[in-house]
Amino acid sequence: MKKSLLILLGYLAFYPSTSYSQSILDGYLEEGIKNNLVLKEKNLDLERSLLDLKDAKSYFLPSLDFNGNYTLASGGRTIDIPIGNLLNPVYTTLNQLTGSSAFPQLENVSEQFLPDNFYDARFRVSMPLYNRDLMAQKQIRANQTLLSEYELAIYRANLIQDIKTAYYNYCMASTAVEVIESSKSLVEQNLKVNQSLQANGKALPAAVLRAESEVESIEAMLIEAKNQQKNAANYFNFLLNRPMNTEINKEDLSQFPLELMSESGEFSIQGRPESLRVQTATLIQQTALKANQNFWVPKINTFADLGSQAFDWRFDSQSRYLIWGLNLSVPIFQGNRNRNQIQRAQLSIQSLQNQQQLLDQKLEMDLQLAKNELISQKAALESATKKLSSATAYFRLVERGYREGVNSLIEFIDARNQLTTASLQKNLSTYKLLKANAQLERQLHSVTPKP
């Protein structure tokens, strides 16, 4: 009996359960989703992806910049302008003809190339007219945003399942403690009866020793069950990101009917976020491949400058200017980097297609296993319920017969062991069914694909 109970308690520890949505559990789910740090980080990743998408869209809008420069220069290359040699003979002839000195002699001029005391300030408006790279980046950023949303959906679904698992693991351990404490009261009562019988000379010392041994066994099992209950509570509080010693409200399963998923019918995995995540990653690589294949397509931009430039900070109608133009860029040769990028994108697409095929097979298999497990656990719970009913009725008969002297101590202990084992088995079967139900619920979790 002790060995079988220890095995059952071991199952309680290694078979965490899940369940349907209830009022208490809904509150814990809301608290866990709100406080989970990893979920908060993934929400931040999604917000960053949305900002990246806004940045990609902003490149299609006009941009306005202000640029200015001022230079002081001395020396450098110069250009000689022989204005004196060109005009002085003409001016001399004119002075002779007019008999005056109205035309003075000029010196040759030497001007340096570097502008001295010169400023150039302008506003530039620029906008892309045709740029396939910007179009591809916008589409990639949009798909990356979807990728972040699917990652968030996957983690959120897993977190919900983990919280349910931890909560019902705690409820299961608490129920086990209650069952063992009930059994402890029975064996303690049995010990008192045997001690009384021995004192009156109606029982042998061996019966008392056997009863004392049963009490010690139950005590050991109770300590182990309470430790499991404490560990389950600590893990549940850890998932909810709150102090380990926080009190947990236990759900009473007997007050609610089991609301189980239907294992019949056809289900599709196309809406699973895991599958959509790989599909979206494939779309990103396909967009990158298409952009790399169109590397030769020209890029056309337009710009307009409104500014002023002059020497000595002069600002007038002669210094102000307006320029409009077009920029055309066509890549000719870049060391075969574009070809390498095309091959790299093709390899990435092949890898993602293999991952998609493997993932679809795994999701189909997991779905079928979850459906089969739910069917098996339903049958196991029905069997455990009938066994508990039979064990309860049998224990009542043996207990009455033992008090009346019809049944022996061995029969009483055996009936009590059967009742304890049946209670634990019923508890275990209930939570294993709820676990199977939650697994199927998780396998059927889907999101709506976005265009």
Protein backbone atom coordinates (compact mmCIF):
# COMPACT_ATOMS: atom_id res chain seq x y z
CA MET A 1 0.00 0.00 0.00
CA LYS A 2 2.73 2.44 0.95
CA LYS A 3 4.59 1.76 -2.28
CA SER A 4 1.49 2.29 -4.39
CA LEU A 5 0.68 5.56 -2.62
CA LEU A 6 4.21 6.84 -3.10
CA ILE A 7 3.97 6.01 -6.80
CA LEU A 8 0.70 7.93 -7.03
CA LEU A 9 2.22 10.90 -5.22
CA GLY A 10 5.10 10.76 -7.65
CA TYR A 11 2.62 10.96 -10.51
CA LEU A 12 1.12 14.01 -8.83
CA ALA A 13 4.49 15.72 -9.00
CA PHE A 14 5.42 14.71 -12.54
CA TYR A 15 2.03 15.09 -14.23
CA PRO A 16 1.11 18.79 -13.94
CA SER A 17 -2.45 19.52 -14.83
CA THR A 18 -4.37 22.14 -16.78
CA SER A 19 -7.99 23.11 -16.67
CA TYR A 20 -10.86 25.10 -17.98
CA SER A 21 -11.42 28.77 -17.31
CA GLN A 22 -12.92 29.62 -13.92
CA SER A 23 -13.38 32.86 -12.04
CA ILE A 24 -10.39 32.42 -9.70
CA LEU A 25 -8.14 31.10 -12.41
CA ASP A 26 -9.17 33.90 -14.79
CA GLY A 27 -7.96 36.41 -12.24
CA TYR A 28 -4.65 34.61 -11.93
CA LEU A 29 -4.29 34.44 -15.71
CA GLU A 30 -4.89 38.16 -16.00
CA GLU A 31 -2.37 38.84 -13.24
CA GLY A 32 0.22 36.55 -14.81
CA ILE A 33 -0.14 38.10 -18.26
CA LYS A 34 0.10 41.57 -16.76
CA ASN A 35 3.18 40.89 -14.61
CA ASN A 36 5.19 38.51 -16.80
CA LEU A 37 8.52 40.14 -17.64
CA VAL A 38 9.20 38.13 -20.79
CA LEU A 39 5.77 39.05 -22.14
CA LYS A 40 6.50 42.70 -21.40
CA GLU A 41 9.77 42.41 -23.33
CA LYS A 42 8.01 40.87 -26.31
CA ASN A 43 5.48 43.71 -26.22
CA LEU A 44 8.42 46.11 -26.38
CA ASP A 45 9.78 44.18 -29.37
CA LEU A 46 6.42 44.59 -31.08
CA GLU A 47 6.40 48.32 -30.39
CA ARG A 48 9.92 48.60 -31.81
CA SER A 49 8.80 46.74 -34.93
CA LEU A 50 5.91 49.17 -35.36
CA LEU A 51 8.33 52.09 -35.08
CA ASP A 52 10.59 50.48 -37.69
CA LEU A 53 7.58 50.18 -39.99
CA LYS A 54 6.79 53.86 -39.50
CA ASP A 55 10.40 54.69 -40.37
CA ALA A 56 10.16 52.65 -43.57
CA LYS A 57 6.99 54.51 -44.58
CA SER A 58 8.54 57.89 -43.80
CA TYR A 59 11.17 57.46 -46.54
CA PHE A 60 8.45 57.94 -49.16
CA LEU A 61 7.65 61.42 -47.80
CA PRO A 62 9.57 64.60 -48.70
CA SER A 63 12.41 65.56 -46.40
CA LEU A 64 13.54 69.12 -45.63
CA ASP A 65 17.08 69.88 -44.54
CA PHE A 66 19.01 73.07 -43.91
CA ASN A 67 22.69 73.15 -44.82
CA GLY A 68 25.16 75.97 -44.55
CA ASN A 69 28.88 76.57 -44.77
CA TYR A 70 31.23 79.49 -44.43
CA THR A 71 34.85 79.56 -45.62
CA LEU A 72 37.93 81.68 -45.00
CA ALA A 73 40.84 80.97 -47.33
CA SER A 74 44.33 82.19 -48.07
CA GLY A 75 46.74 80.93 -50.72
CA GLY A 76 46.20 77.93 -52.89
CA ARG A 77 45.85 77.82 -56.63
CA THR A 78 45.18 81.10 -58.49
CA ILE A 79 44.10 82.15 -61.95
CA ASP A 80 45.75 85.16 -63.68
CA ILE A 81 43.42 87.46 -65.57
CA PRO A 82 45.45 89.86 -67.85
CA ILE A 83 42.81 92.54 -67.86
CA GLY A 84 45.46 95.33 -67.92
CA ASN A 85 47.23 93.90 -70.95
CA LEU A 86 43.91 93.61 -72.74
CA LEU A 87 42.31 96.95 -71.95
CA ASN A 88 45.23 99.40 -71.37
CA PRO A 89 46.04 99.83 -75.15
CA VAL A 90 42.38 100.46 -75.82
CA TYR A 91 42.10 102.96 -72.96
CA THR A 92 45.26 104.77 -74.15
CA THR A 93 43.81 105.17 -77.65
CA LEU A 94 40.53 106.47 -76.23
CA ASN A 95 42.34 109.03 -74.07
CA GLN A 96 44.26 110.25 -77.13
CA LEU A 97 41.11 110.54 -79.22
CA THR A 98 39.18 112.36 -76.53
CA GLY A 99 42.13 114.42 -75.32
CA SER A 100 41.35 113.44 -71.77
CA SER A 101 42.33 110.96 -69.07
CA ALA A 102 38.86 109.51 -68.55
CA PHE A 103 40.16 105.96 -69.06
CA PRO A 104 42.74 105.06 -66.41
CA GLN A 105 45.28 102.30 -66.73
CA LEU A 106 44.36 98.93 -65.16
CA GLU A 107 46.48 96.31 -63.36
CA ASN A 108 46.44 92.63 -64.19
CA VAL A 109 44.30 90.59 -61.69
CA SER A 110 45.17 87.31 -59.93
CA GLU A 111 42.20 85.48 -58.29
CA GLN A 112 42.56 82.46 -55.95
CA PHE A 113 40.34 79.41 -56.42
CA LEU A 114 39.52 78.97 -52.74
CA PRO A 115 36.66 81.30 -51.75
CA ASP A 116 37.58 83.71 -48.96
CA ASN A 117 34.93 85.11 -46.61
CA PHE A 118 32.26 83.22 -48.51
CA TYR A 119 29.01 81.66 -47.25
CA ASP A 120 26.48 79.27 -48.79
CA ALA A 121 23.22 78.58 -46.92
CA ARG A 122 20.27 76.65 -48.39
CA PHE A 123 17.11 74.67 -47.67
CA ARG A 124 16.94 71.38 -49.57
CA VAL A 125 13.71 69.49 -50.22
CA SER A 126 14.27 65.94 -51.49
CA MET A 127 11.95 63.02 -52.21
CA PRO A 128 12.35 59.62 -53.89
CA LEU A 129 10.34 59.26 -57.10
CA TYR A 130 11.12 55.63 -57.80
CA ASN A 131 13.13 53.36 -55.49
CA ARG A 132 12.49 49.61 -55.42
CA ASP A 133 14.71 49.16 -52.38
CA LEU A 134 12.50 51.43 -50.29
CA MET A 135 9.42 49.50 -51.42
CA ALA A 136 11.04 46.21 -50.42
CA GLN A 137 12.12 47.60 -47.05
CA LYS A 138 8.59 48.76 -46.33
CA GLN A 139 7.18 45.31 -47.08
CA ILE A 140 9.92 43.61 -45.02
CA ARG A 141 9.24 45.87 -42.04
CA ALA A 142 5.52 45.14 -42.26
CA ASN A 143 6.19 41.38 -42.24
CA GLN A 144 8.64 41.76 -39.37
CA THR A 145 5.87 43.45 -37.40
CA LEU A 146 3.65 40.43 -38.09
CA LEU A 147 6.51 38.21 -37.00
CA SER A 148 6.69 40.02 -33.66
CA GLU A 149 2.91 39.67 -33.25
CA TYR A 150 3.09 35.92 -33.86
CA GLU A 151 5.99 35.58 -31.41
CA LEU A 152 3.90 37.42 -28.84
CA ALA A 153 0.88 35.19 -29.52
CA ILE A 154 2.97 32.02 -29.16
CA TYR A 155 4.52 33.06 -25.88
CA ARG A 156 1.20 34.29 -24.50
CA ALA A 157 -0.49 30.97 -25.31
CA ASN A 158 2.37 29.04 -23.71
CA LEU A 159 2.25 31.30 -20.66
CA ILE A 160 -1.48 30.69 -20.22
CA GLN A 161 -0.92 26.95 -20.41
CA ASP A 162 1.97 27.14 -17.94
CA ILE A 163 -0.10 29.15 -15.45
CA LYS A 164 -2.97 26.69 -15.72
CA THR A 165 -0.55 23.81 -15.32
CA ALA A 166 1.08 25.33 -12.25
CA TYR A 167 -2.24 26.28 -10.67
CA TYR A 168 -3.81 22.88 -11.04
CA ASN A 169 -0.59 21.24 -9.99
CA TYR A 170 -0.97 23.17 -6.74
CA CYS A 171 -4.64 22.20 -6.46
CA MET A 172 -3.74 18.58 -7.10
CA ALA A 173 -1.05 18.61 -4.42
CA SER A 174 -3.43 20.30 -1.99
CA THR A 175 -6.08 17.66 -2.64
CA ALA A 176 -3.51 14.94 -2.05
CA VAL A 177 -2.66 16.53 1.30
CA GLU A 178 -6.34 16.57 2.25
CA VAL A 179 -6.79 12.91 1.30
CA ILE A 180 -3.71 11.84 3.26
CA GLU A 181 -4.78 13.89 6.28
CA SER A 182 -8.15 12.16 6.15
CA SER A 183 -6.38 8.79 6.04
CA LYS A 184 -4.21 9.89 8.92
CA SER A 185 -7.26 10.50 11.10
CA LEU A 186 -8.45 7.00 10.29
CA VAL A 187 -5.22 5.27 11.24
CA GLU A 188 -4.90 7.37 14.39
CA GLN A 189 -8.40 6.32 15.34
CA ASN A 190 -7.47 2.72 14.60
CA LEU A 191 -4.40 3.05 16.84
CA LYS A 192 -6.52 4.33 19.72
CA VAL A 193 -8.98 1.46 19.32
CA ASN A 194 -6.20 -1.15 19.33
CA GLN A 195 -4.52 0.45 22.32
CA SER A 196 -7.86 0.34 24.15
CA LEU A 197 -8.41 -3.29 23.19
CA GLN A 198 -4.89 -4.22 24.31
CA ALA A 199 -5.48 -2.50 27.66
CA ASN A 200 -8.63 -4.60 28.10
CA GLY A 201 -6.84 -7.78 27.05
CA LYS A 202 -8.78 -8.17 23.78
CA ALA A 203 -5.93 -7.43 21.32
CA LEU A 204 -2.36 -8.57 20.85
CA PRO A 205 0.62 -6.20 21.02
CA ALA A 206 1.34 -6.97 17.35
CA ALA A 207 -1.88 -5.22 16.36
CA VAL A 208 -0.81 -2.08 18.20
CA LEU A 209 2.63 -2.17 16.61
CA ARG A 210 1.05 -2.59 13.17
CA ALA A 211 -1.23 0.39 13.82
CA GLU A 212 1.70 2.50 14.99
CA SER A 213 3.60 1.58 11.83
CA GLU A 214 0.65 2.71 9.73
CA VAL A 215 0.60 6.06 11.54
CA GLU A 216 4.32 6.58 10.88
CA SER A 217 3.89 5.73 7.20
CA ILE A 218 1.06 8.21 6.81
CA GLU A 219 3.13 10.86 8.59
CA ALA A 220 5.99 10.40 6.11
CA MET A 221 3.62 10.54 3.15
CA LEU A 222 1.99 13.69 4.54
CA ILE A 223 5.36 15.45 4.88
CA GLU A 224 6.24 14.56 1.30
CA ALA A 225 2.84 15.72 0.02
CA LYS A 226 3.15 19.06 1.85
CA ASN A 227 6.60 19.61 0.35
CA GLN A 228 5.17 19.00 -3.10
CA GLN A 229 2.36 21.41 -2.31
CA LYS A 230 4.87 24.06 -1.24
CA ASN A 231 7.00 23.55 -4.37
CA ALA A 232 3.91 23.83 -6.57
CA ALA A 233 2.90 27.06 -4.81
CA ASN A 234 6.39 28.53 -5.24
CA TYR A 235 6.44 27.79 -8.96
CA PHE A 236 2.95 29.21 -9.46
CA ASN A 237 3.88 32.42 -7.66
CA PHE A 238 7.06 32.59 -9.72
CA LEU A 239 5.04 32.50 -12.94
CA LEU A 240 2.86 35.32 -11.63
CA ASN A 241 5.99 37.31 -10.70
CA ARG A 242 5.01 37.75 -7.06
CA PRO A 243 6.51 36.75 -3.67
CA MET A 244 6.89 33.02 -3.15
CA ASN A 245 4.91 33.00 0.09
CA THR A 246 1.82 34.64 -1.42
CA GLU A 247 -1.35 32.78 -0.55
CA ILE A 248 -3.11 30.90 -3.37
CA ASN A 249 -6.86 30.41 -3.50
CA LYS A 250 -7.63 26.78 -4.28
CA GLU A 251 -10.35 25.94 -6.83
CA ASP A 252 -12.95 23.38 -5.73
CA LEU A 253 -13.44 21.13 -8.74
CA SER A 254 -16.48 19.47 -7.28
CA GLN A 255 -18.43 22.72 -7.60
CA PHE A 256 -17.94 23.03 -11.36
CA PRO A 257 -18.67 20.66 -14.23
CA LEU A 258 -15.72 19.77 -16.41
CA GLU A 259 -15.86 21.80 -19.62
CA LEU A 260 -13.77 19.79 -22.05
CA MET A 261 -12.76 20.35 -25.63
CA SER A 262 -14.36 18.12 -28.24
CA GLU A 263 -11.88 15.61 -29.59
CA SER A 264 -14.05 14.88 -32.64
CA GLY A 265 -14.10 16.86 -35.85
CA GLU A 266 -11.51 18.10 -38.29
CA PHE A 267 -9.10 20.84 -37.26
CA SER A 268 -6.70 22.87 -39.37
CA ILE A 269 -3.22 23.99 -38.38
CA GLN A 270 -3.11 26.81 -40.91
CA GLY A 271 -4.03 29.40 -38.30
CA ARG A 272 -1.42 28.25 -35.79
CA PRO A 273 0.95 31.14 -34.94
CA GLU A 274 3.91 28.75 -35.15
CA SER A 275 3.08 28.00 -38.78
CA LEU A 276 2.29 31.63 -39.60
CA ARG A 277 5.62 32.67 -38.11
CA VAL A 278 7.57 30.48 -40.53
CA GLN A 279 5.36 31.55 -43.44
CA THR A 280 6.01 35.20 -42.62
CA ALA A 281 9.75 34.61 -42.37
CA THR A 282 9.58 33.00 -45.82
CA LEU A 283 7.77 36.06 -47.21
CA ILE A 284 10.52 38.27 -45.83
CA GLN A 285 13.20 36.26 -47.60
CA GLN A 286 11.18 36.18 -50.82
CA THR A 287 10.86 39.97 -50.72
CA ALA A 288 14.60 40.30 -50.12
CA LEU A 289 15.28 37.91 -53.02
CA LYS A 290 13.08 39.91 -55.37
CA ALA A 291 14.77 43.15 -54.34
CA ASN A 292 18.23 41.65 -54.89
CA GLN A 293 17.24 40.35 -58.32
CA ASN A 294 16.12 43.87 -59.30
CA PHE A 295 19.37 45.49 -58.27
CA TRP A 296 19.80 46.91 -61.79
CA VAL A 297 16.56 48.94 -61.63
CA PRO A 298 17.42 52.68 -61.55
CA LYS A 299 16.70 54.84 -58.53
CA ILE A 300 15.28 58.29 -59.23
CA ASN A 301 15.14 61.09 -56.69
CA THR A 302 14.24 64.75 -57.02
CA PHE A 303 15.45 67.73 -55.04
CA ALA A 304 15.10 71.50 -54.84
CA ASP A 305 17.47 74.01 -53.17
CA LEU A 306 16.47 77.47 -51.98
CA GLY A 307 19.39 79.43 -50.60
CA SER A 308 21.83 82.28 -50.73
CA GLN A 309 25.58 82.50 -51.38
CA ALA A 310 27.88 85.50 -51.53
CA PHE A 311 31.08 87.08 -50.20
CA ASP A 312 31.26 89.29 -47.11
CA TRP A 313 27.84 88.08 -45.82
CA ARG A 314 26.05 89.95 -48.55
CA PHE A 315 22.37 89.08 -48.91
CA ASP A 316 20.41 90.58 -51.80
CA SER A 317 18.67 89.60 -55.00
CA GLN A 318 22.00 88.65 -56.54
CA SER A 319 22.93 86.22 -53.76
CA ARG A 320 19.63 84.35 -53.57
CA TYR A 321 19.13 81.31 -55.81
CA LEU A 322 16.74 78.41 -56.54
CA ILE A 323 17.83 75.05 -57.98
CA TRP A 324 15.72 72.03 -58.94
CA GLY A 325 17.06 68.74 -60.22
CA LEU A 326 16.84 64.96 -60.56
CA ASN A 327 19.19 62.23 -59.35
CA LEU A 328 19.55 58.98 -61.27
CA SER A 329 21.51 56.04 -59.87
CA VAL A 330 22.11 52.80 -61.76
CA PRO A 331 24.50 50.17 -60.29
CA ILE A 332 26.84 48.76 -62.90
CA PHE A 333 29.36 46.60 -61.04
CA GLN A 334 29.72 45.97 -57.30
CA GLY A 335 32.10 43.04 -57.12
CA ASN A 336 29.36 40.37 -57.53
CA ARG A 337 27.92 41.25 -54.13
CA ASN A 338 24.40 41.37 -55.57
CA ARG A 339 24.77 37.88 -56.98
CA ASN A 340 25.96 36.60 -53.61
CA GLN A 341 22.97 38.19 -51.90
CA ILE A 342 20.63 36.48 -54.37
CA GLN A 343 22.15 33.07 -53.63
CA ARG A 344 22.04 33.75 -49.89
CA ALA A 345 18.33 34.61 -50.05
CA GLN A 346 17.59 31.50 -52.12
CA LEU A 347 19.31 29.28 -49.55
CA SER A 348 17.35 30.94 -46.74
CA ILE A 349 14.08 30.30 -48.56
CA GLN A 350 14.95 26.62 -49.05
CA SER A 351 15.80 26.30 -45.36
CA LEU A 352 12.52 27.92 -44.31
CA GLN A 353 10.53 25.70 -46.65
CA ASN A 354 12.10 22.63 -45.04
CA GLN A 355 11.28 24.05 -41.59
CA GLN A 356 7.69 24.67 -42.69
CA GLN A 357 7.26 21.10 -43.87
CA LEU A 358 8.76 19.67 -40.68
CA LEU A 359 6.68 22.01 -38.50
CA ASP A 360 3.42 21.11 -40.26
CA GLN A 361 4.11 17.42 -39.69
CA LYS A 362 4.91 18.03 -36.03
CA LEU A 363 1.78 20.14 -35.48
CA GLU A 364 -0.38 17.48 -37.11
CA MET A 365 1.19 14.79 -34.96
CA ASP A 366 0.84 16.84 -31.74
CA LEU A 367 -2.80 17.56 -32.53
CA GLN A 368 -3.59 13.89 -33.08
CA LEU A 369 -1.74 12.87 -29.92
CA ALA A 370 -3.64 15.48 -27.89
CA LYS A 371 -6.98 14.23 -29.22
CA ASN A 372 -6.07 10.60 -28.45
CA GLU A 373 -4.83 11.54 -24.97
CA LEU A 374 -8.11 13.30 -24.18
CA ILE A 375 -10.08 10.21 -25.20
CA SER A 376 -7.87 7.96 -23.05
CA GLN A 377 -8.07 10.20 -19.99
CA LYS A 378 -11.85 10.43 -20.23
CA ALA A 379 -12.05 6.66 -20.03
CA ALA A 380 -9.48 6.59 -17.20
CA LEU A 381 -11.48 9.11 -15.17
CA GLU A 382 -14.70 7.13 -15.59
CA SER A 383 -12.93 4.00 -14.41
CA ALA A 384 -11.35 5.81 -11.43
CA THR A 385 -14.73 7.27 -10.44
CA LYS A 386 -16.32 3.84 -10.38
CA LYS A 387 -13.40 2.41 -8.38
CA LEU A 388 -13.69 5.20 -5.81
CA SER A 389 -17.41 4.58 -5.44
CA SER A 390 -16.82 0.86 -4.92
CA ALA A 391 -13.92 1.45 -2.50
CA THR A 392 -16.02 3.91 -0.47
CA ALA A 393 -18.90 1.45 -0.18
CA TYR A 394 -16.53 -1.42 0.67
CA PHE A 395 -14.75 0.62 3.37
CA ARG A 396 -18.05 1.54 5.03
CA LEU A 397 -19.06 -2.13 5.19
CA VAL A 398 -15.70 -3.28 6.53
CA GLU A 399 -15.53 -0.42 9.04
CA ARG A 400 -18.97 -1.36 10.40
CA GLY A 401 -18.04 -5.02 10.49
CA TYR A 402 -14.72 -4.24 12.22
CA ARG A 403 -16.49 -2.30 14.97
CA GLU A 404 -18.94 -5.13 15.41
CA GLY A 405 -16.14 -7.68 15.50
CA VAL A 406 -17.06 -9.35 12.22
CA ASN A 407 -14.05 -8.18 10.19
CA SER A 408 -10.42 -8.37 11.23
CA LEU A 409 -7.87 -5.58 11.57
CA ILE A 410 -6.15 -6.71 8.37
CA GLU A 411 -9.39 -6.36 6.46
CA PHE A 412 -10.00 -2.92 7.94
CA ILE A 413 -6.50 -1.72 6.99
CA ASP A 414 -6.84 -3.18 3.51
CA ALA A 415 -10.20 -1.44 2.99
CA ARG A 416 -8.77 1.85 4.21
CA ASN A 417 -5.78 1.47 1.86
CA GLN A 418 -8.08 0.79 -1.06
CA LEU A 419 -10.09 3.91 -0.25
CA THR A 420 -6.97 6.08 -0.02
CA THR A 421 -5.56 4.64 -3.24
CA ALA A 422 -8.87 5.11 -5.06
CA SER A 423 -9.14 8.72 -3.84
CA LEU A 424 -5.66 9.57 -5.01
CA GLN A 425 -6.23 7.78 -8.31
CA LYS A 426 -9.47 9.70 -8.85
CA ASN A 427 -7.67 12.97 -8.10
CA LEU A 428 -4.83 12.05 -10.42
CA SER A 429 -7.18 10.99 -13.23
CA THR A 430 -9.15 14.22 -12.94
CA TYR A 431 -6.10 16.40 -13.29
CA LYS A 432 -4.59 14.26 -16.03
CA LEU A 433 -7.85 14.71 -17.95
CA LEU A 434 -7.67 18.45 -17.41
CA LYS A 435 -4.08 18.40 -18.58
CA ALA A 436 -5.07 16.55 -21.75
CA ASN A 437 -7.89 19.05 -22.26
CA ALA A 438 -5.50 22.00 -21.92
CA GLN A 439 -3.03 20.37 -24.30
CA LEU A 440 -5.72 20.00 -26.93
CA GLU A 441 -6.83 23.56 -26.26
CA ARG A 442 -3.25 24.73 -26.83
CA GLN A 443 -2.96 22.70 -30.03
CA LEU A 444 -6.14 24.32 -31.36
CA HIS A 445 -4.98 27.84 -30.49
CA SER A 446 -4.91 29.92 -33.64
CA VAL A 447 -4.76 33.53 -34.78
CA THR A 448 -6.25 35.22 -37.82
CA PRO A 449 -3.62 35.68 -40.57
CA LYS A 450 -3.18 39.32 -41.56
CA PRO A 451 -2.74 40.39 -45.18
